Amino acid sequence: MILALTGGGTANASQTIATQSYQLSFTRFDFGQGAALGNILIAISLVFAVLYLRANQRAMEG
């Protein structure tokens, strides 16, 4: 959504990790770096999911 609204901004200033991973993999054909960024994105998502589930569980208890 950011890319559609801003077109990437000046020098790709508004590029996200997901779009950067896609660009590395399928535009520059650097699949190793694209996959590494994808794994980092999964790890970040996992951390936020665990934090959310813990906060939600505490809210349900109290």
PDB file of N, CA and C in Angstrom:
ATOM      1  N   MET A   1       0.823  -1.177   0.000  1.00  0.00           N
ATOM      2  CA  MET A   1       0.000   0.000   0.000  1.00  0.00           C
ATOM      3  C   MET A   1       0.877   1.253   0.000  1.00  0.00           C
ATOM      4  N   ILE A   2       1.971   1.202   0.745  1.00  0.00           N
ATOM      5  CA  ILE A   2       2.870   2.352   0.779  1.00  0.00           C
ATOM      6  C   ILE A   2       3.450   2.606  -0.605  1.00  0.00           C
ATOM      7  N   LEU A   3       3.870   1.538  -1.264  1.00  0.00           N
ATOM      8  CA  LEU A   3       4.471   1.673  -2.586  1.00  0.00           C
ATOM      9  C   LEU A   3       3.460   2.225  -3.590  1.00  0.00           C
ATOM     10  N   ALA A   4       2.208   1.797  -3.496  1.00  0.00           N
ATOM     11  CA  ALA A   4       1.186   2.277  -4.418  1.00  0.00           C
ATOM     12  C   ALA A   4       0.890   3.765  -4.197  1.00  0.00           C
ATOM     13  N   LEU A   5       0.934   4.210  -2.950  1.00  0.00           N
ATOM     14  CA  LEU A   5       0.623   5.603  -2.650  1.00  0.00           C
ATOM     15  C   LEU A   5       1.778   6.552  -2.945  1.00  0.00           C
ATOM     16  N   THR A   6       3.000   6.115  -2.648  1.00  0.00           N
ATOM     17  CA  THR A   6       4.140   7.020  -2.767  1.00  0.00           C
ATOM     18  C   THR A   6       5.030   6.737  -3.962  1.00  0.00           C
ATOM     19  N   GLY A   7       4.887   5.565  -4.564  1.00  0.00           N
ATOM     20  CA  GLY A   7       5.764   5.198  -5.665  1.00  0.00           C
ATOM     21  C   GLY A   7       7.187   4.941  -5.202  1.00  0.00           C
ATOM     22  N   GLY A   8       7.389   4.680  -3.937  1.00  0.00           N
ATOM     23  CA  GLY A   8       8.707   4.418  -3.401  1.00  0.00           C
ATOM     24  C   GLY A   8       9.372   5.630  -2.789  1.00  0.00           C
ATOM     25  N   GLY A   9       8.871   6.789  -3.055  1.00  0.00           N
ATOM     26  CA  GLY A   9       9.455   8.000  -2.495  1.00  0.00           C
ATOM     27  C   GLY A   9      10.788   8.335  -3.141  1.00  0.00           C
ATOM     28  N   THR A  10      11.432   9.326  -2.628  1.00  0.00           N
ATOM     29  CA  THR A  10      12.730   9.740  -3.131  1.00  0.00           C
ATOM     30  C   THR A  10      13.774   8.700  -2.754  1.00  0.00           C
ATOM     31  N   ALA A  11      14.436   8.146  -3.745  1.00  0.00           N
ATOM     32  CA  ALA A  11      15.488   7.132  -3.541  1.00  0.00           C
ATOM     33  C   ALA A  11      14.971   5.949  -2.718  1.00  0.00           C
ATOM     34  N   ASN A  12      13.711   5.545  -2.956  1.00  0.00           N
ATOM     35  CA  ASN A  12      13.074   4.418  -2.251  1.00  0.00           C
ATOM     36  C   ASN A  12      13.033   4.629  -0.736  1.00  0.00           C
ATOM     37  N   ALA A  13      12.820   5.843  -0.288  1.00  0.00           N
ATOM     38  CA  ALA A  13      12.821   6.165   1.137  1.00  0.00           C
ATOM     39  C   ALA A  13      11.693   5.479   1.893  1.00  0.00           C
ATOM     40  N   SER A  14      10.586   5.180   1.226  1.00  0.00           N
ATOM     41  CA  SER A  14       9.459   4.558   1.917  1.00  0.00           C
ATOM     42  C   SER A  14       9.341   3.070   1.601  1.00  0.00           C
ATOM     43  N   GLN A  15      10.433   2.459   1.188  1.00  0.00           N
ATOM     44  CA  GLN A  15      10.419   1.035   0.862  1.00  0.00           C
ATOM     45  C   GLN A  15      10.424   0.209   2.148  1.00  0.00           C
ATOM     46  N   THR A  16       9.588  -0.820   2.205  1.00  0.00           N
ATOM     47  CA  THR A  16       9.510  -1.677   3.381  1.00  0.00           C
ATOM     48  C   THR A  16      10.423  -2.885   3.199  1.00  0.00           C
ATOM     49  N   ILE A  17      10.579  -3.670   4.266  1.00  0.00           N
ATOM     50  CA  ILE A  17      11.418  -4.868   4.193  1.00  0.00           C
ATOM     51  C   ILE A  17      10.851  -5.854   3.180  1.00  0.00           C
ATOM     52  N   ALA A  18       9.539  -5.986   3.135  1.00  0.00           N
ATOM     53  CA  ALA A  18       8.918  -6.938   2.207  1.00  0.00           C
ATOM     54  C   ALA A  18       9.155  -6.540   0.754  1.00  0.00           C
ATOM     55  N   THR A  19       8.997  -5.253   0.429  1.00  0.00           N
ATOM     56  CA  THR A  19       9.209  -4.841  -0.956  1.00  0.00           C
ATOM     57  C   THR A  19      10.687  -4.860  -1.321  1.00  0.00           C
ATOM     58  N   GLN A  20      11.550  -4.606  -0.351  1.00  0.00           N
ATOM     59  CA  GLN A  20      12.984  -4.685  -0.612  1.00  0.00           C
ATOM     60  C   GLN A  20      13.403  -6.133  -0.862  1.00  0.00           C
ATOM     61  N   SER A  21      12.828  -7.064  -0.117  1.00  0.00           N
ATOM     62  CA  SER A  21      13.109  -8.480  -0.332  1.00  0.00           C
ATOM     63  C   SER A  21      12.654  -8.916  -1.716  1.00  0.00           C
ATOM     64  N   TYR A  22      11.476  -8.471  -2.120  1.00  0.00           N
ATOM     65  CA  TYR A  22      10.969  -8.786  -3.454  1.00  0.00           C
ATOM     66  C   TYR A  22      11.878  -8.203  -4.535  1.00  0.00           C
ATOM     67  N   GLN A  23      12.281  -6.962  -4.346  1.00  0.00           N
ATOM     68  CA  GLN A  23      13.132  -6.306  -5.344  1.00  0.00           C
ATOM     69  C   GLN A  23      14.477  -7.012  -5.471  1.00  0.00           C
ATOM     70  N   LEU A  24      15.064  -7.381  -4.344  1.00  0.00           N
ATOM     71  CA  LEU A  24      16.342  -8.087  -4.394  1.00  0.00           C
ATOM     72  C   LEU A  24      16.209  -9.425  -5.103  1.00  0.00           C
ATOM     73  N   SER A  25      15.146 -10.152  -4.797  1.00  0.00           N
ATOM     74  CA  SER A  25      14.995 -11.492  -5.347  1.00  0.00           C
ATOM     75  C   SER A  25      14.608 -11.500  -6.816  1.00  0.00           C
ATOM     76  N   PHE A  26      13.640 -10.693  -7.193  1.00  0.00           N
ATOM     77  CA  PHE A  26      13.061 -10.841  -8.522  1.00  0.00           C
ATOM     78  C   PHE A  26      13.419  -9.737  -9.510  1.00  0.00           C
ATOM     79  N   THR A  27      14.010  -8.655  -9.040  1.00  0.00           N
ATOM     80  CA  THR A  27      14.465  -7.611  -9.952  1.00  0.00           C
ATOM     81  C   THR A  27      15.971  -7.712 -10.171  1.00  0.00           C
ATOM     82  N   ARG A  28      16.687  -7.883  -9.070  1.00  0.00           N
ATOM     83  CA  ARG A  28      18.145  -7.978  -9.153  1.00  0.00           C
ATOM     84  C   ARG A  28      18.643  -9.420  -9.208  1.00  0.00           C
ATOM     85  N   PHE A  29      17.746 -10.385  -9.036  1.00  0.00           N
ATOM     86  CA  PHE A  29      18.061 -11.813  -9.044  1.00  0.00           C
ATOM     87  C   PHE A  29      19.118 -12.180  -8.006  1.00  0.00           C
ATOM     88  N   ASP A  30      19.063 -11.517  -6.849  1.00  0.00           N
ATOM     89  CA  ASP A  30      19.932 -11.839  -5.721  1.00  0.00           C
ATOM     90  C   ASP A  30      19.077 -12.579  -4.697  1.00  0.00           C
ATOM     91  N   PHE A  31      18.871 -13.864  -4.977  1.00  0.00           N
ATOM     92  CA  PHE A  31      17.939 -14.650  -4.172  1.00  0.00           C
ATOM     93  C   PHE A  31      18.428 -14.873  -2.746  1.00  0.00           C
ATOM     94  N   GLY A  32      19.733 -14.894  -2.537  1.00  0.00           N
ATOM     95  CA  GLY A  32      20.273 -15.101  -1.193  1.00  0.00           C
ATOM     96  C   GLY A  32      19.925 -13.963  -0.260  1.00  0.00           C
ATOM     97  N   GLN A  33      20.178 -12.743  -0.696  1.00  0.00           N
ATOM     98  CA  GLN A  33      19.849 -11.588   0.149  1.00  0.00           C
ATOM     99  C   GLN A  33      18.344 -11.415   0.298  1.00  0.00           C
ATOM    100  N   GLY A  34      17.602 -11.698  -0.763  1.00  0.00           N
ATOM    101  CA  GLY A  34      16.152 -11.604  -0.674  1.00  0.00           C
ATOM    102  C   GLY A  34      15.586 -12.597   0.329  1.00  0.00           C
ATOM    103  N   ALA A  35      16.118 -13.816   0.315  1.00  0.00           N
ATOM    104  CA  ALA A  35      15.675 -14.837   1.270  1.00  0.00           C
ATOM    105  C   ALA A  35      16.090 -14.470   2.692  1.00  0.00           C
ATOM    106  N   ALA A  36      17.275 -13.903   2.846  1.00  0.00           N
ATOM    107  CA  ALA A  36      17.727 -13.490   4.180  1.00  0.00           C
ATOM    108  C   ALA A  36      16.815 -12.401   4.743  1.00  0.00           C
ATOM    109  N   LEU A  37      16.453 -11.433   3.908  1.00  0.00           N
ATOM    110  CA  LEU A  37      15.524 -10.391   4.365  1.00  0.00           C
ATOM    111  C   LEU A  37      14.156 -10.980   4.704  1.00  0.00           C
ATOM    112  N   GLY A  38      13.714 -11.948   3.915  1.00  0.00           N
ATOM    113  CA  GLY A  38      12.445 -12.610   4.207  1.00  0.00           C
ATOM    114  C   GLY A  38      12.474 -13.323   5.548  1.00  0.00           C
ATOM    115  N   ASN A  39      13.598 -13.969   5.866  1.00  0.00           N
ATOM    116  CA  ASN A  39      13.729 -14.643   7.157  1.00  0.00           C
ATOM    117  C   ASN A  39      13.751 -13.646   8.308  1.00  0.00           C
ATOM    118  N   ILE A  40      14.399 -12.519   8.104  1.00  0.00           N
ATOM    119  CA  ILE A  40      14.401 -11.473   9.136  1.00  0.00           C
ATOM    120  C   ILE A  40      12.982 -10.956   9.357  1.00  0.00           C
ATOM    121  N   LEU A  41      12.241 -10.777   8.280  1.00  0.00           N
ATOM    122  CA  LEU A  41      10.854 -10.317   8.393  1.00  0.00           C
ATOM    123  C   LEU A  41       9.998 -11.325   9.145  1.00  0.00           C
ATOM    124  N   ILE A  42      10.207 -12.610   8.901  1.00  0.00           N
ATOM    125  CA  ILE A  42       9.468 -13.649   9.624  1.00  0.00           C
ATOM    126  C   ILE A  42       9.812 -13.614  11.111  1.00  0.00           C
ATOM    127  N   ALA A  43      11.094 -13.435  11.440  1.00  0.00           N
ATOM    128  CA  ALA A  43      11.509 -13.378  12.842  1.00  0.00           C
ATOM    129  C   ALA A  43      10.885 -12.167  13.550  1.00  0.00           C
ATOM    130  N   ILE A  44      10.871 -11.028  12.896  1.00  0.00           N
ATOM    131  CA  ILE A  44      10.256  -9.827  13.479  1.00  0.00           C
ATOM    132  C   ILE A  44       8.760 -10.049  13.689  1.00  0.00           C
ATOM    133  N   SER A  45       8.107 -10.649  12.719  1.00  0.00           N
ATOM    134  CA  SER A  45       6.669 -10.934  12.847  1.00  0.00           C
ATOM    135  C   SER A  45       6.396 -11.898  13.985  1.00  0.00           C
ATOM    136  N   LEU A  46       7.258 -12.894  14.143  1.00  0.00           N
ATOM    137  CA  LEU A  46       7.090 -13.867  15.222  1.00  0.00           C
ATOM    138  C   LEU A  46       7.218 -13.206  16.584  1.00  0.00           C
ATOM    139  N   VAL A  47       8.173 -12.297  16.736  1.00  0.00           N
ATOM    140  CA  VAL A  47       8.346 -11.593  18.006  1.00  0.00           C
ATOM    141  C   VAL A  47       7.097 -10.777  18.330  1.00  0.00           C
ATOM    142  N   PHE A  48       6.579 -10.046  17.356  1.00  0.00           N
ATOM    143  CA  PHE A  48       5.380  -9.249  17.603  1.00  0.00           C
ATOM    144  C   PHE A  48       4.154 -10.124  17.860  1.00  0.00           C
ATOM    145  N   ALA A  49       4.072 -11.275  17.212  1.00  0.00           N
ATOM    146  CA  ALA A  49       2.947 -12.178  17.451  1.00  0.00           C
ATOM    147  C   ALA A  49       2.973 -12.715  18.877  1.00  0.00           C
ATOM    148  N   VAL A  50       4.147 -13.093  19.362  1.00  0.00           N
ATOM    149  CA  VAL A  50       4.267 -13.594  20.732  1.00  0.00           C
ATOM    150  C   VAL A  50       3.921 -12.504  21.732  1.00  0.00           C
ATOM    151  N   LEU A  51       4.418 -11.295  21.501  1.00  0.00           N
ATOM    152  CA  LEU A  51       4.088 -10.185  22.401  1.00  0.00           C
ATOM    153  C   LEU A  51       2.590  -9.903  22.411  1.00  0.00           C
ATOM    154  N   TYR A  52       1.968  -9.944  21.238  1.00  0.00           N
ATOM    155  CA  TYR A  52       0.532  -9.705  21.152  1.00  0.00           C
ATOM    156  C   TYR A  52      -0.253 -10.790  21.886  1.00  0.00           C
ATOM    157  N   LEU A  53       0.125 -12.044  21.687  1.00  0.00           N
ATOM    158  CA  LEU A  53      -0.596 -13.137  22.340  1.00  0.00           C
ATOM    159  C   LEU A  53      -0.454 -13.060  23.861  1.00  0.00           C
ATOM    160  N   ARG A  54       0.723 -12.712  24.345  1.00  0.00           N
ATOM    161  CA  ARG A  54       0.907 -12.561  25.796  1.00  0.00           C
ATOM    162  C   ARG A  54       0.074 -11.409  26.338  1.00  0.00           C
ATOM    163  N   ALA A  55       0.052 -10.300  25.651  1.00  0.00           N
ATOM    164  CA  ALA A  55      -0.748  -9.152  26.098  1.00  0.00           C
ATOM    165  C   ALA A  55      -2.233  -9.483  26.067  1.00  0.00           C
ATOM    166  N   ASN A  56      -2.662 -10.193  25.059  1.00  0.00           N
ATOM    167  CA  ASN A  56      -4.060 -10.583  24.936  1.00  0.00           C
ATOM    168  C   ASN A  56      -4.440 -11.564  26.046  1.00  0.00           C
ATOM    169  N   GLN A  57      -3.547 -12.485  26.369  1.00  0.00           N
ATOM    170  CA  GLN A  57      -3.832 -13.448  27.419  1.00  0.00           C
ATOM    171  C   GLN A  57      -3.941 -12.756  28.778  1.00  0.00           C
ATOM    172  N   ARG A  58      -3.091 -11.786  29.039  1.00  0.00           N
ATOM    173  CA  ARG A  58      -3.164 -11.037  30.295  1.00  0.00           C
ATOM    174  C   ARG A  58      -4.455 -10.222  30.384  1.00  0.00           C
ATOM    175  N   ALA A  59      -4.899  -9.687  29.270  1.00  0.00           N
ATOM    176  CA  ALA A  59      -6.136  -8.907  29.257  1.00  0.00           C
ATOM    177  C   ALA A  59      -7.345  -9.797  29.532  1.00  0.00           C
ATOM    178  N   MET A  60      -7.298 -11.019  29.049  1.00  0.00           N
ATOM    179  CA  MET A  60      -8.415 -11.947  29.255  1.00  0.00           C
ATOM    180  C   MET A  60      -8.461 -12.437  30.708  1.00  0.00           C
ATOM    181  N   GLU A  61      -7.293 -12.543  31.360  1.00  0.00           N
ATOM    182  CA  GLU A  61      -7.252 -13.010  32.742  1.00  0.00           C
ATOM    183  C   GLU A  61      -7.711 -11.943  33.719  1.00  0.00           C
ATOM    184  N   GLY A  62      -7.329 -10.720  33.452  1.00  0.00           N
ATOM    185  CA  GLY A  62      -7.585  -9.661  34.429  1.00  0.00           C
ATOM    186  C   GLY A  62      -8.671  -8.805  34.036  1.00  0.00           C
TER     187      GLY A  62
END
